[in-house]
Amino acid sequence: MIIFLAAFFIRKAGIDSSAKDIPLLSPVSESFFNKNGSEILKQAGIEISGSLIEEENALVATLSSGTTVFFKKGEKIEQKLPSLQLILKNIKMEGRWPVKIDLRFTRPVIGY
C-alpha cells in the first residue's frame, strides 16, 4: 500500500524516476568554501585580514596590506593563486601597493 501511494504521488508531482535533469544539492554551504579559501590563502603565505566576503559575483579578500582582492565566485581559488603570488612578488619589487587586484577576468586588473 505504501509503495502504491509513493508511486501515485511521484506520478502526480510529475517526477519521473528516470529523470536525469534533477539538480543535486551540495551538502556543503558557501561559507565552507569561504573559510576554506581563507585557509588556502594563509597556507600560501598570503595574509588576509578577516575572512573572504561573498558579494554578488565575487569573493573578496582584504590583504593585511589593505589591498582588496576579487576572486570570481564559483571558481576555485587555487586556480588564481599562482597569478596572485606573481603579482604580489612583482609589487614588492616595485615598492608601491595597489588598492585592488581583480582576478575575475582572464587578465588580472590591478588598480593603484
Foldseek 3Di string as FASTA:
>chain_A
DVVVVVVVVCVVVVHDPPDDPDDDDDPDDPVVLFVVLQVVCVVVVFAFDDIWDDDDFWTWTQTPVQEIETAGPPDRVVVCVVVVVVVVVVCVVVVDAFNYWYPHDPDIDTHD
